[in-house]
Amino acid sequence: MREIRLYGSEGGGAARSPYPYHGELQKLGFVISERTVARYLQRVGRRGDSRKAWLTFLRNHREVIAAFDFFTIPTVTFQVLYCFFVIEHGRRKILHFNVTRHPTAALREAFSEAAS
């Protein structure tokens, strides 16, 4: 199956016929039917490389993507501070940062400032 995957990845996304791959596998000494090769090529073609697709998506949309995180910071006096952090991916610019002892206040302030 590794050989079919290898040959299938060389197809470049064009409509794949199992005949050339089946012939090459027979030359290598594999006993396999054309139908098996065709089925496997269909599965390999659908899968693709998800990492490449994700990187392409991020490159194409990085100017409009923002990420946020909500995390806690323990203090020296054993209290807990809550942080809310928003960053724009395109320029890696911090859009909002807030620290509070009461997390509902931080969220309310962050979203009210973003809406205005």
PDB file of N, CA and C in Angstrom:
ATOM      1  N   MET A   1       0.818  -1.190   0.000  1.00  0.00           N
ATOM      2  CA  MET A   1       0.000   0.000   0.000  1.00  0.00           C
ATOM      3  C   MET A   1       0.866   1.259   0.000  1.00  0.00           C
ATOM      4  N   ARG A   2       2.036   1.173   0.588  1.00  0.00           N
ATOM      5  CA  ARG A   2       2.932   2.331   0.602  1.00  0.00           C
ATOM      6  C   ARG A   2       3.304   2.723  -0.822  1.00  0.00           C
ATOM      7  N   GLU A   3       3.490   1.741  -1.690  1.00  0.00           N
ATOM      8  CA  GLU A   3       3.860   2.007  -3.074  1.00  0.00           C
ATOM      9  C   GLU A   3       2.727   2.709  -3.813  1.00  0.00           C
ATOM     10  N   ILE A   4       1.483   2.281  -3.562  1.00  0.00           N
ATOM     11  CA  ILE A   4       0.347   2.938  -4.209  1.00  0.00           C
ATOM     12  C   ILE A   4       0.265   4.388  -3.751  1.00  0.00           C
ATOM     13  N   ARG A   5       0.466   4.618  -2.452  1.00  0.00           N
ATOM     14  CA  ARG A   5       0.438   5.975  -1.926  1.00  0.00           C
ATOM     15  C   ARG A   5       1.540   6.815  -2.564  1.00  0.00           C
ATOM     16  N   LEU A   6       2.725   6.229  -2.721  1.00  0.00           N
ATOM     17  CA  LEU A   6       3.842   6.940  -3.332  1.00  0.00           C
ATOM     18  C   LEU A   6       3.522   7.308  -4.773  1.00  0.00           C
ATOM     19  N   TYR A   7       3.030   6.344  -5.544  1.00  0.00           N
ATOM     20  CA  TYR A   7       2.674   6.629  -6.938  1.00  0.00           C
ATOM     21  C   TYR A   7       1.500   7.603  -7.015  1.00  0.00           C
ATOM     22  N   GLY A   8       0.545   7.456  -6.117  1.00  0.00           N
ATOM     23  CA  GLY A   8      -0.623   8.331  -6.122  1.00  0.00           C
ATOM     24  C   GLY A   8      -0.272   9.772  -5.822  1.00  0.00           C
ATOM     25  N   SER A   9       0.715   9.992  -4.966  1.00  0.00           N
ATOM     26  CA  SER A   9       1.098  11.367  -4.628  1.00  0.00           C
ATOM     27  C   SER A   9       1.812  12.056  -5.775  1.00  0.00           C
ATOM     28  N   GLU A  10       2.328  11.290  -6.723  1.00  0.00           N
ATOM     29  CA  GLU A  10       3.003  11.885  -7.879  1.00  0.00           C
ATOM     30  C   GLU A  10       2.013  12.339  -8.943  1.00  0.00           C
ATOM     31  N   GLY A  11       0.726  11.990  -8.778  1.00  0.00           N
ATOM     32  CA  GLY A  11      -0.288  12.301  -9.780  1.00  0.00           C
ATOM     33  C   GLY A  11      -0.581  13.776  -9.924  1.00  0.00           C
ATOM     34  N   GLY A  12      -0.293  14.587  -8.912  1.00  0.00           N
ATOM     35  CA  GLY A  12      -0.478  16.026  -8.997  1.00  0.00           C
ATOM     36  C   GLY A  12      -1.921  16.476  -8.984  1.00  0.00           C
ATOM     37  N   GLY A  13      -2.832  15.651  -8.502  1.00  0.00           N
ATOM     38  CA  GLY A  13      -4.219  16.064  -8.390  1.00  0.00           C
ATOM     39  C   GLY A  13      -5.037  15.860  -9.657  1.00  0.00           C
ATOM     40  N   ALA A  14      -4.440  15.390 -10.735  1.00  0.00           N
ATOM     41  CA  ALA A  14      -5.184  15.144 -11.963  1.00  0.00           C
ATOM     42  C   ALA A  14      -6.062  13.908 -11.762  1.00  0.00           C
ATOM     43  N   ALA A  15      -7.008  13.723 -12.685  1.00  0.00           N
ATOM     44  CA  ALA A  15      -7.840  12.518 -12.618  1.00  0.00           C
ATOM     45  C   ALA A  15      -6.923  11.314 -12.763  1.00  0.00           C
ATOM     46  N   ARG A  16      -6.994  10.420 -11.804  1.00  0.00           N
ATOM     47  CA  ARG A  16      -6.042   9.322 -11.766  1.00  0.00           C
ATOM     48  C   ARG A  16      -6.650   8.054 -12.317  1.00  0.00           C
ATOM     49  N   SER A  17      -5.990   7.479 -13.266  1.00  0.00           N
ATOM     50  CA  SER A  17      -6.368   6.179 -13.785  1.00  0.00           C
ATOM     51  C   SER A  17      -5.502   5.147 -13.084  1.00  0.00           C
ATOM     52  N   PRO A  18      -6.071   4.025 -12.675  1.00  0.00           N
ATOM     53  CA  PRO A  18      -5.272   3.025 -11.964  1.00  0.00           C
ATOM     54  C   PRO A  18      -4.334   2.252 -12.871  1.00  0.00           C
ATOM     55  N   TYR A  19      -4.521   2.345 -14.203  1.00  0.00           N
ATOM     56  CA  TYR A  19      -3.748   1.504 -15.116  1.00  0.00           C
ATOM     57  C   TYR A  19      -2.241   1.716 -15.021  1.00  0.00           C
ATOM     58  N   PRO A  20      -1.720   2.932 -15.095  1.00  0.00           N
ATOM     59  CA  PRO A  20      -0.262   3.059 -15.013  1.00  0.00           C
ATOM     60  C   PRO A  20       0.297   2.603 -13.666  1.00  0.00           C
ATOM     61  N   TYR A  21      -0.441   2.889 -12.591  1.00  0.00           N
ATOM     62  CA  TYR A  21       0.033   2.484 -11.274  1.00  0.00           C
ATOM     63  C   TYR A  21       0.003   0.973 -11.126  1.00  0.00           C
ATOM     64  N   HIS A  22      -1.054   0.341 -11.644  1.00  0.00           N
ATOM     65  CA  HIS A  22      -1.173  -1.109 -11.577  1.00  0.00           C
ATOM     66  C   HIS A  22      -0.031  -1.766 -12.351  1.00  0.00           C
ATOM     67  N   GLY A  23       0.266  -1.244 -13.523  1.00  0.00           N
ATOM     68  CA  GLY A  23       1.359  -1.798 -14.329  1.00  0.00           C
ATOM     69  C   GLY A  23       2.707  -1.674 -13.636  1.00  0.00           C
ATOM     70  N   GLU A  24       2.963  -0.519 -13.030  1.00  0.00           N
ATOM     71  CA  GLU A  24       4.223  -0.322 -12.319  1.00  0.00           C
ATOM     72  C   GLU A  24       4.348  -1.266 -11.128  1.00  0.00           C
ATOM     73  N   LEU A  25       3.242  -1.463 -10.413  1.00  0.00           N
ATOM     74  CA  LEU A  25       3.268  -2.376  -9.268  1.00  0.00           C
ATOM     75  C   LEU A  25       3.504  -3.815  -9.713  1.00  0.00           C
ATOM     76  N   GLN A  26       2.933  -4.201 -10.861  1.00  0.00           N
ATOM     77  CA  GLN A  26       3.177  -5.543 -11.378  1.00  0.00           C
ATOM     78  C   GLN A  26       4.647  -5.721 -11.748  1.00  0.00           C
ATOM     79  N   LYS A  27       5.256  -4.690 -12.341  1.00  0.00           N
ATOM     80  CA  LYS A  27       6.684  -4.765 -12.682  1.00  0.00           C
ATOM     81  C   LYS A  27       7.540  -4.939 -11.437  1.00  0.00           C
ATOM     82  N   LEU A  28       7.076  -4.380 -10.323  1.00  0.00           N
ATOM     83  CA  LEU A  28       7.815  -4.517  -9.068  1.00  0.00           C
ATOM     84  C   LEU A  28       7.561  -5.853  -8.378  1.00  0.00           C
ATOM     85  N   GLY A  29       6.660  -6.671  -8.951  1.00  0.00           N
ATOM     86  CA  GLY A  29       6.423  -7.999  -8.397  1.00  0.00           C
ATOM     87  C   GLY A  29       5.221  -8.107  -7.492  1.00  0.00           C
ATOM     88  N   PHE A  30       4.400  -7.070  -7.404  1.00  0.00           N
ATOM     89  CA  PHE A  30       3.202  -7.123  -6.567  1.00  0.00           C
ATOM     90  C   PHE A  30       2.061  -7.763  -7.332  1.00  0.00           C
ATOM     91  N   VAL A  31       1.325  -8.638  -6.687  1.00  0.00           N
ATOM     92  CA  VAL A  31       0.138  -9.246  -7.275  1.00  0.00           C
ATOM     93  C   VAL A  31      -1.057  -8.543  -6.647  1.00  0.00           C
ATOM     94  N   ILE A  32      -1.694  -7.666  -7.425  1.00  0.00           N
ATOM     95  CA  ILE A  32      -2.779  -6.831  -6.925  1.00  0.00           C
ATOM     96  C   ILE A  32      -3.706  -6.512  -8.086  1.00  0.00           C
ATOM     97  N   SER A  33      -5.001  -6.407  -7.833  1.00  0.00           N
ATOM     98  CA  SER A  33      -5.953  -6.138  -8.912  1.00  0.00           C
ATOM     99  C   SER A  33      -6.031  -4.642  -9.201  1.00  0.00           C
ATOM    100  N   GLU A  34      -6.490  -4.329 -10.416  1.00  0.00           N
ATOM    101  CA  GLU A  34      -6.654  -2.923 -10.798  1.00  0.00           C
ATOM    102  C   GLU A  34      -7.710  -2.253  -9.917  1.00  0.00           C
ATOM    103  N   ARG A  35      -8.738  -3.003  -9.570  1.00  0.00           N
ATOM    104  CA  ARG A  35      -9.816  -2.456  -8.745  1.00  0.00           C
ATOM    105  C   ARG A  35      -9.303  -2.037  -7.362  1.00  0.00           C
ATOM    106  N   THR A  36      -8.408  -2.841  -6.786  1.00  0.00           N
ATOM    107  CA  THR A  36      -7.829  -2.496  -5.484  1.00  0.00           C
ATOM    108  C   THR A  36      -7.018  -1.212  -5.588  1.00  0.00           C
ATOM    109  N   VAL A  37      -6.236  -1.100  -6.655  1.00  0.00           N
ATOM    110  CA  VAL A  37      -5.443   0.119  -6.860  1.00  0.00           C
ATOM    111  C   VAL A  37      -6.368   1.325  -7.036  1.00  0.00           C
ATOM    112  N   ALA A  38      -7.448   1.161  -7.812  1.00  0.00           N
ATOM    113  CA  ALA A  38      -8.385   2.267  -8.049  1.00  0.00           C
ATOM    114  C   ALA A  38      -9.035   2.715  -6.741  1.00  0.00           C
ATOM    115  N   ARG A  39      -9.472   1.764  -5.926  1.00  0.00           N
ATOM    116  CA  ARG A  39     -10.095   2.109  -4.645  1.00  0.00           C
ATOM    117  C   ARG A  39      -9.125   2.841  -3.729  1.00  0.00           C
ATOM    118  N   TYR A  40      -7.917   2.335  -3.671  1.00  0.00           N
ATOM    119  CA  TYR A  40      -6.936   2.960  -2.783  1.00  0.00           C
ATOM    120  C   TYR A  40      -6.577   4.357  -3.270  1.00  0.00           C
ATOM    121  N   LEU A  41      -6.448   4.544  -4.581  1.00  0.00           N
ATOM    122  CA  LEU A  41      -6.131   5.873  -5.117  1.00  0.00           C
ATOM    123  C   LEU A  41      -7.247   6.869  -4.806  1.00  0.00           C
ATOM    124  N   GLN A  42      -8.501   6.405  -4.811  1.00  0.00           N
ATOM    125  CA  GLN A  42      -9.602   7.305  -4.470  1.00  0.00           C
ATOM    126  C   GLN A  42      -9.488   7.774  -3.030  1.00  0.00           C
ATOM    127  N   ARG A  43      -9.146   6.858  -2.131  1.00  0.00           N
ATOM    128  CA  ARG A  43      -8.998   7.242  -0.722  1.00  0.00           C
ATOM    129  C   ARG A  43      -7.822   8.178  -0.522  1.00  0.00           C
ATOM    130  N   VAL A  44      -6.700   7.896  -1.180  1.00  0.00           N
ATOM    131  CA  VAL A  44      -5.505   8.743  -1.044  1.00  0.00           C
ATOM    132  C   VAL A  44      -5.789  10.126  -1.616  1.00  0.00           C
ATOM    133  N   GLY A  45      -6.487  10.205  -2.735  1.00  0.00           N
ATOM    134  CA  GLY A  45      -6.783  11.483  -3.375  1.00  0.00           C
ATOM    135  C   GLY A  45      -7.657  12.374  -2.527  1.00  0.00           C
ATOM    136  N   ARG A  46      -8.580  11.782  -1.788  1.00  0.00           N
ATOM    137  CA  ARG A  46      -9.465  12.584  -0.945  1.00  0.00           C
ATOM    138  C   ARG A  46      -8.755  13.139   0.269  1.00  0.00           C
ATOM    139  N   ARG A  47      -7.841  12.364   0.786  1.00  0.00           N
ATOM    140  CA  ARG A  47      -7.185  12.752   2.031  1.00  0.00           C
ATOM    141  C   ARG A  47      -6.306  13.982   1.839  1.00  0.00           C
ATOM    142  N   GLY A  48      -5.385  13.936   0.905  1.00  0.00           N
ATOM    143  CA  GLY A  48      -4.483  15.057   0.690  1.00  0.00           C
ATOM    144  C   GLY A  48      -3.585  15.297   1.891  1.00  0.00           C
ATOM    145  N   ASP A  49      -2.863  16.380   1.857  1.00  0.00           N
ATOM    146  CA  ASP A  49      -1.993  16.735   2.976  1.00  0.00           C
ATOM    147  C   ASP A  49      -2.675  17.840   3.770  1.00  0.00           C
ATOM    148  N   SER A  50      -3.231  17.482   4.914  1.00  0.00           N
ATOM    149  CA  SER A  50      -3.994  18.452   5.692  1.00  0.00           C
ATOM    150  C   SER A  50      -3.112  19.575   6.227  1.00  0.00           C
ATOM    151  N   ARG A  51      -1.824  19.286   6.479  1.00  0.00           N
ATOM    152  CA  ARG A  51      -0.931  20.349   6.967  1.00  0.00           C
ATOM    153  C   ARG A  51      -0.756  21.432   5.915  1.00  0.00           C
ATOM    154  N   LYS A  52      -0.592  21.022   4.656  1.00  0.00           N
ATOM    155  CA  LYS A  52      -0.439  22.009   3.583  1.00  0.00           C
ATOM    156  C   LYS A  52      -1.710  22.837   3.433  1.00  0.00           C
ATOM    157  N   ALA A  53      -2.859  22.179   3.513  1.00  0.00           N
ATOM    158  CA  ALA A  53      -4.121  22.896   3.374  1.00  0.00           C
ATOM    159  C   ALA A  53      -4.291  23.905   4.516  1.00  0.00           C
ATOM    160  N   TRP A  54      -3.937  23.510   5.734  1.00  0.00           N
ATOM    161  CA  TRP A  54      -4.078  24.403   6.887  1.00  0.00           C
ATOM    162  C   TRP A  54      -3.118  25.578   6.766  1.00  0.00           C
ATOM    163  N   LEU A  55      -1.886  25.336   6.354  1.00  0.00           N
ATOM    164  CA  LEU A  55      -0.921  26.430   6.185  1.00  0.00           C
ATOM    165  C   LEU A  55      -1.365  27.393   5.096  1.00  0.00           C
ATOM    166  N   THR A  56      -1.913  26.854   4.015  1.00  0.00           N
ATOM    167  CA  THR A  56      -2.418  27.709   2.943  1.00  0.00           C
ATOM    168  C   THR A  56      -3.561  28.573   3.446  1.00  0.00           C
ATOM    169  N   PHE A  57      -4.467  27.975   4.201  1.00  0.00           N
ATOM    170  CA  PHE A  57      -5.582  28.732   4.779  1.00  0.00           C
ATOM    171  C   PHE A  57      -5.066  29.859   5.668  1.00  0.00           C
ATOM    172  N   LEU A  58      -4.109  29.550   6.549  1.00  0.00           N
ATOM    173  CA  LEU A  58      -3.579  30.580   7.452  1.00  0.00           C
ATOM    174  C   LEU A  58      -2.887  31.696   6.687  1.00  0.00           C
ATOM    175  N   ARG A  59      -2.101  31.346   5.663  1.00  0.00           N
ATOM    176  CA  ARG A  59      -1.431  32.387   4.867  1.00  0.00           C
ATOM    177  C   ARG A  59      -2.443  33.293   4.165  1.00  0.00           C
ATOM    178  N   ASN A  60      -3.503  32.698   3.627  1.00  0.00           N
ATOM    179  CA  ASN A  60      -4.492  33.470   2.876  1.00  0.00           C
ATOM    180  C   ASN A  60      -5.380  34.345   3.761  1.00  0.00           C
ATOM    181  N   HIS A  61      -5.530  33.976   5.030  1.00  0.00           N
ATOM    182  CA  HIS A  61      -6.461  34.699   5.893  1.00  0.00           C
ATOM    183  C   HIS A  61      -5.811  35.342   7.112  1.00  0.00           C
ATOM    184  N   ARG A  62      -4.515  35.363   7.184  1.00  0.00           N
ATOM    185  CA  ARG A  62      -3.868  35.844   8.413  1.00  0.00           C
ATOM    186  C   ARG A  62      -4.167  37.304   8.724  1.00  0.00           C
ATOM    187  N   GLU A  63      -4.496  38.099   7.724  1.00  0.00           N
ATOM    188  CA  GLU A  63      -4.790  39.516   7.956  1.00  0.00           C
ATOM    189  C   GLU A  63      -6.120  39.720   8.680  1.00  0.00           C
ATOM    190  N   VAL A  64      -6.999  38.730   8.649  1.00  0.00           N
ATOM    191  CA  VAL A  64      -8.311  38.888   9.268  1.00  0.00           C
ATOM    192  C   VAL A  64      -8.548  37.901  10.414  1.00  0.00           C
ATOM    193  N   ILE A  65      -7.512  37.190  10.838  1.00  0.00           N
ATOM    194  CA  ILE A  65      -7.650  36.231  11.936  1.00  0.00           C
ATOM    195  C   ILE A  65      -7.158  36.867  13.233  1.00  0.00           C
ATOM    196  N   ALA A  66      -7.954  36.689  14.263  1.00  0.00           N
ATOM    197  CA  ALA A  66      -7.547  37.112  15.599  1.00  0.00           C
ATOM    198  C   ALA A  66      -7.677  35.913  16.524  1.00  0.00           C
ATOM    199  N   ALA A  67      -6.825  35.866  17.509  1.00  0.00           N
ATOM    200  CA  ALA A  67      -6.875  34.782  18.489  1.00  0.00           C
ATOM    201  C   ALA A  67      -6.999  35.384  19.873  1.00  0.00           C
ATOM    202  N   PHE A  68      -7.614  34.625  20.766  1.00  0.00           N
ATOM    203  CA  PHE A  68      -7.705  35.111  22.143  1.00  0.00           C
ATOM    204  C   PHE A  68      -7.403  33.979  23.097  1.00  0.00           C
ATOM    205  N   ASP A  69      -7.016  34.374  24.295  1.00  0.00           N
ATOM    206  CA  ASP A  69      -6.723  33.410  25.340  1.00  0.00           C
ATOM    207  C   ASP A  69      -7.223  33.978  26.652  1.00  0.00           C
ATOM    208  N   PHE A  70      -7.682  33.111  27.476  1.00  0.00           N
ATOM    209  CA  PHE A  70      -8.150  33.466  28.806  1.00  0.00           C
ATOM    210  C   PHE A  70      -7.410  32.554  29.763  1.00  0.00           C
ATOM    211  N   PHE A  71      -6.564  33.118  30.605  1.00  0.00           N
ATOM    212  CA  PHE A  71      -5.721  32.294  31.469  1.00  0.00           C
ATOM    213  C   PHE A  71      -5.614  32.916  32.859  1.00  0.00           C
ATOM    214  N   THR A  72      -5.074  32.134  33.797  1.00  0.00           N
ATOM    215  CA  THR A  72      -4.939  32.602  35.176  1.00  0.00           C
ATOM    216  C   THR A  72      -3.473  32.770  35.537  1.00  0.00           C
ATOM    217  N   ILE A  73      -3.228  33.690  36.473  1.00  0.00           N
ATOM    218  CA  ILE A  73      -1.887  33.930  36.992  1.00  0.00           C
ATOM    219  C   ILE A  73      -1.947  33.863  38.511  1.00  0.00           C
ATOM    220  N   PRO A  74      -1.243  32.910  39.108  1.00  0.00           N
ATOM    221  CA  PRO A  74      -1.191  32.895  40.580  1.00  0.00           C
ATOM    222  C   PRO A  74      -0.213  33.972  41.063  1.00  0.00           C
ATOM    223  N   THR A  75      -0.601  34.668  42.093  1.00  0.00           N
ATOM    224  CA  THR A  75       0.251  35.741  42.620  1.00  0.00           C
ATOM    225  C   THR A  75       1.099  35.221  43.779  1.00  0.00           C
ATOM    226  N   VAL A  76       2.000  36.063  44.248  1.00  0.00           N
ATOM    227  CA  VAL A  76       2.866  35.719  45.376  1.00  0.00           C
ATOM    228  C   VAL A  76       2.044  35.565  46.656  1.00  0.00           C
ATOM    229  N   THR A  77       0.948  36.297  46.738  1.00  0.00           N
ATOM    230  CA  THR A  77       0.094  36.240  47.930  1.00  0.00           C
ATOM    231  C   THR A  77      -0.999  35.174  47.810  1.00  0.00           C
ATOM    232  N   PHE A  78      -0.835  34.243  46.888  1.00  0.00           N
ATOM    233  CA  PHE A  78      -1.735  33.111  46.677  1.00  0.00           C
ATOM    234  C   PHE A  78      -3.142  33.523  46.232  1.00  0.00           C
ATOM    235  N   GLN A  79      -3.223  34.631  45.556  1.00  0.00           N
ATOM    236  CA  GLN A  79      -4.483  35.021  44.927  1.00  0.00           C
ATOM    237  C   GLN A  79      -4.396  34.633  43.454  1.00  0.00           C
ATOM    238  N   VAL A  80      -5.503  34.731  42.763  1.00  0.00           N
ATOM    239  CA  VAL A  80      -5.539  34.380  41.346  1.00  0.00           C
ATOM    240  C   VAL A  80      -5.997  35.597  40.548  1.00  0.00           C
ATOM    241  N   LEU A  81      -5.223  35.936  39.520  1.00  0.00           N
ATOM    242  CA  LEU A  81      -5.609  36.986  38.583  1.00  0.00           C
ATOM    243  C   LEU A  81      -6.018  36.322  37.275  1.00  0.00           C
ATOM    244  N   TYR A  82      -7.030  36.873  36.630  1.00  0.00           N
ATOM    245  CA  TYR A  82      -7.531  36.345  35.373  1.00  0.00           C
ATOM    246  C   TYR A  82      -7.126  37.290  34.253  1.00  0.00           C
ATOM    247  N   CYS A  83      -6.552  36.726  33.189  1.00  0.00           N
ATOM    248  CA  CYS A  83      -6.087  37.541  32.062  1.00  0.00           C
ATOM    249  C   CYS A  83      -6.868  37.192  30.805  1.00  0.00           C
ATOM    250  N   PHE A  84      -7.198  38.214  30.074  1.00  0.00           N
ATOM    251  CA  PHE A  84      -7.855  38.057  28.779  1.00  0.00           C
ATOM    252  C   PHE A  84      -6.967  38.761  27.766  1.00  0.00           C
ATOM    253  N   PHE A  85      -6.627  38.060  26.686  1.00  0.00           N
ATOM    254  CA  PHE A  85      -5.621  38.522  25.740  1.00  0.00           C
ATOM    255  C   PHE A  85      -6.130  38.276  24.327  1.00  0.00           C
ATOM    256  N   VAL A  86      -6.129  39.313  23.463  1.00  0.00           N
ATOM    257  CA  VAL A  86      -6.549  39.182  22.066  1.00  0.00           C
ATOM    258  C   VAL A  86      -5.415  39.699  21.185  1.00  0.00           C
ATOM    259  N   ILE A  87      -5.035  38.904  20.172  1.00  0.00           N
ATOM    260  CA  ILE A  87      -3.948  39.293  19.273  1.00  0.00           C
ATOM    261  C   ILE A  87      -4.394  39.131  17.822  1.00  0.00           C
ATOM    262  N   GLU A  88      -3.976  40.060  16.978  1.00  0.00           N
ATOM    263  CA  GLU A  88      -4.233  39.996  15.542  1.00  0.00           C
ATOM    264  C   GLU A  88      -3.070  39.239  14.905  1.00  0.00           C
ATOM    265  N   HIS A  89      -3.351  38.238  14.098  1.00  0.00           N
ATOM    266  CA  HIS A  89      -2.291  37.413  13.528  1.00  0.00           C
ATOM    267  C   HIS A  89      -1.505  38.121  12.427  1.00  0.00           C
ATOM    268  N   GLY A  90      -2.172  38.930  11.630  1.00  0.00           N
ATOM    269  CA  GLY A  90      -1.510  39.557  10.483  1.00  0.00           C
ATOM    270  C   GLY A  90      -0.273  40.349  10.867  1.00  0.00           C
ATOM    271  N   ARG A  91      -0.413  41.234  11.833  1.00  0.00           N
ATOM    272  CA  ARG A  91       0.695  42.089  12.275  1.00  0.00           C
ATOM    273  C   ARG A  91       1.210  41.707  13.653  1.00  0.00           C
ATOM    274  N   ARG A  92       0.623  40.658  14.216  1.00  0.00           N
ATOM    275  CA  ARG A  92       0.948  40.231  15.585  1.00  0.00           C
ATOM    276  C   ARG A  92       0.805  41.403  16.556  1.00  0.00           C
ATOM    277  N   LYS A  93      -0.289  42.109  16.362  1.00  0.00           N
ATOM    278  CA  LYS A  93      -0.587  43.292  17.166  1.00  0.00           C
ATOM    279  C   LYS A  93      -1.540  42.891  18.285  1.00  0.00           C
ATOM    280  N   ILE A  94      -1.272  43.367  19.493  1.00  0.00           N
ATOM    281  CA  ILE A  94      -2.146  43.086  20.623  1.00  0.00           C
ATOM    282  C   ILE A  94      -3.355  44.007  20.514  1.00  0.00           C
ATOM    283  N   LEU A  95      -4.530  43.415  20.352  1.00  0.00           N
ATOM    284  CA  LEU A  95      -5.756  44.196  20.234  1.00  0.00           C
ATOM    285  C   LEU A  95      -6.339  44.537  21.594  1.00  0.00           C
ATOM    286  N   HIS A  96      -6.224  43.608  22.539  1.00  0.00           N
ATOM    287  CA  HIS A  96      -6.779  43.848  23.865  1.00  0.00           C
ATOM    288  C   HIS A  96      -6.053  42.978  24.884  1.00  0.00           C
ATOM    289  N   PHE A  97      -5.823  43.556  26.047  1.00  0.00           N
ATOM    290  CA  PHE A  97      -5.222  42.820  27.150  1.00  0.00           C
ATOM    291  C   PHE A  97      -5.831  43.363  28.429  1.00  0.00           C
ATOM    292  N   ASN A  98      -6.298  42.462  29.281  1.00  0.00           N
ATOM    293  CA  ASN A  98      -6.908  42.909  30.519  1.00  0.00           C
ATOM    294  C   ASN A  98      -6.621  41.894  31.612  1.00  0.00           C
ATOM    295  N   VAL A  99      -6.404  42.393  32.830  1.00  0.00           N
ATOM    296  CA  VAL A  99      -6.180  41.548  34.004  1.00  0.00           C
ATOM    297  C   VAL A  99      -7.163  41.989  35.073  1.00  0.00           C
ATOM    298  N   THR A 100      -7.804  41.025  35.709  1.00  0.00           N
ATOM    299  CA  THR A 100      -8.780  41.335  36.758  1.00  0.00           C
ATOM    300  C   THR A 100      -8.837  40.205  37.776  1.00  0.00           C
ATOM    301  N   ARG A 101      -9.414  40.526  38.923  1.00  0.00           N
ATOM    302  CA  ARG A 101      -9.643  39.482  39.925  1.00  0.00           C
ATOM    303  C   ARG A 101     -10.979  38.793  39.690  1.00  0.00           C
ATOM    304  N   HIS A 102     -11.869  39.431  38.903  1.00  0.00           N
ATOM    305  CA  HIS A 102     -13.200  38.900  38.628  1.00  0.00           C
ATOM    306  C   HIS A 102     -13.356  38.717  37.122  1.00  0.00           C
ATOM    307  N   PRO A 103     -13.364  37.489  36.630  1.00  0.00           N
ATOM    308  CA  PRO A 103     -13.336  37.253  35.190  1.00  0.00           C
ATOM    309  C   PRO A 103     -14.536  37.791  34.424  1.00  0.00           C
ATOM    310  N   THR A 104     -15.691  37.899  35.025  1.00  0.00           N
ATOM    311  CA  THR A 104     -16.841  38.426  34.287  1.00  0.00           C
ATOM    312  C   THR A 104     -16.624  39.886  33.918  1.00  0.00           C
ATOM    313  N   ALA A 105     -15.968  40.646  34.772  1.00  0.00           N
ATOM    314  CA  ALA A 105     -15.685  42.050  34.474  1.00  0.00           C
ATOM    315  C   ALA A 105     -14.721  42.168  33.291  1.00  0.00           C
ATOM    316  N   ALA A 106     -13.718  41.321  33.241  1.00  0.00           N
ATOM    317  CA  ALA A 106     -12.742  41.385  32.145  1.00  0.00           C
ATOM    318  C   ALA A 106     -13.403  41.087  30.809  1.00  0.00           C
ATOM    319  N   LEU A 107     -14.260  40.082  30.775  1.00  0.00           N
ATOM    320  CA  LEU A 107     -14.934  39.741  29.527  1.00  0.00           C
ATOM    321  C   LEU A 107     -15.899  40.838  29.108  1.00  0.00           C
ATOM    322  N   ARG A 108     -16.629  41.384  30.037  1.00  0.00           N
ATOM    323  CA  ARG A 108     -17.576  42.443  29.722  1.00  0.00           C
ATOM    324  C   ARG A 108     -16.850  43.655  29.146  1.00  0.00           C
ATOM    325  N   GLU A 109     -15.736  44.048  29.777  1.00  0.00           N
ATOM    326  CA  GLU A 109     -14.973  45.201  29.301  1.00  0.00           C
ATOM    327  C   GLU A 109     -14.346  44.936  27.946  1.00  0.00           C
ATOM    328  N   ALA A 110     -13.813  43.745  27.746  1.00  0.00           N
ATOM    329  CA  ALA A 110     -13.151  43.429  26.474  1.00  0.00           C
ATOM    330  C   ALA A 110     -14.127  43.485  25.308  1.00  0.00           C
ATOM    331  N   PHE A 111     -15.293  42.889  25.477  1.00  0.00           N
ATOM    332  CA  PHE A 111     -16.239  42.854  24.382  1.00  0.00           C
ATOM    333  C   PHE A 111     -16.935  44.189  24.178  1.00  0.00           C
ATOM    334  N   SER A 112     -17.076  44.996  25.212  1.00  0.00           N
ATOM    335  CA  SER A 112     -17.695  46.300  25.028  1.00  0.00           C
ATOM    336  C   SER A 112     -16.731  47.240  24.285  1.00  0.00           C
ATOM    337  N   GLU A 113     -15.428  47.124  24.543  1.00  0.00           N
ATOM    338  CA  GLU A 113     -14.442  47.956  23.840  1.00  0.00           C
ATOM    339  C   GLU A 113     -14.311  47.512  22.379  1.00  0.00           C
ATOM    340  N   ALA A 114     -14.384  46.210  22.133  1.00  0.00           N
ATOM    341  CA  ALA A 114     -14.265  45.699  20.754  1.00  0.00           C
ATOM    342  C   ALA A 114     -15.464  46.101  19.905  1.00  0.00           C
ATOM    343  N   ALA A 115     -16.637  46.201  20.523  1.00  0.00           N
ATOM    344  CA  ALA A 115     -17.845  46.549  19.774  1.00  0.00           C
ATOM    345  C   ALA A 115     -17.862  48.021  19.403  1.00  0.00           C
ATOM    346  N   SER A 116     -17.198  48.875  20.174  1.00  0.00           N
ATOM    347  CA  SER A 116     -17.239  50.316  19.890  1.00  0.00           C
ATOM    348  C   SER A 116     -16.178  50.737  18.905  1.00  0.00           C
TER     349      SER A 116
END
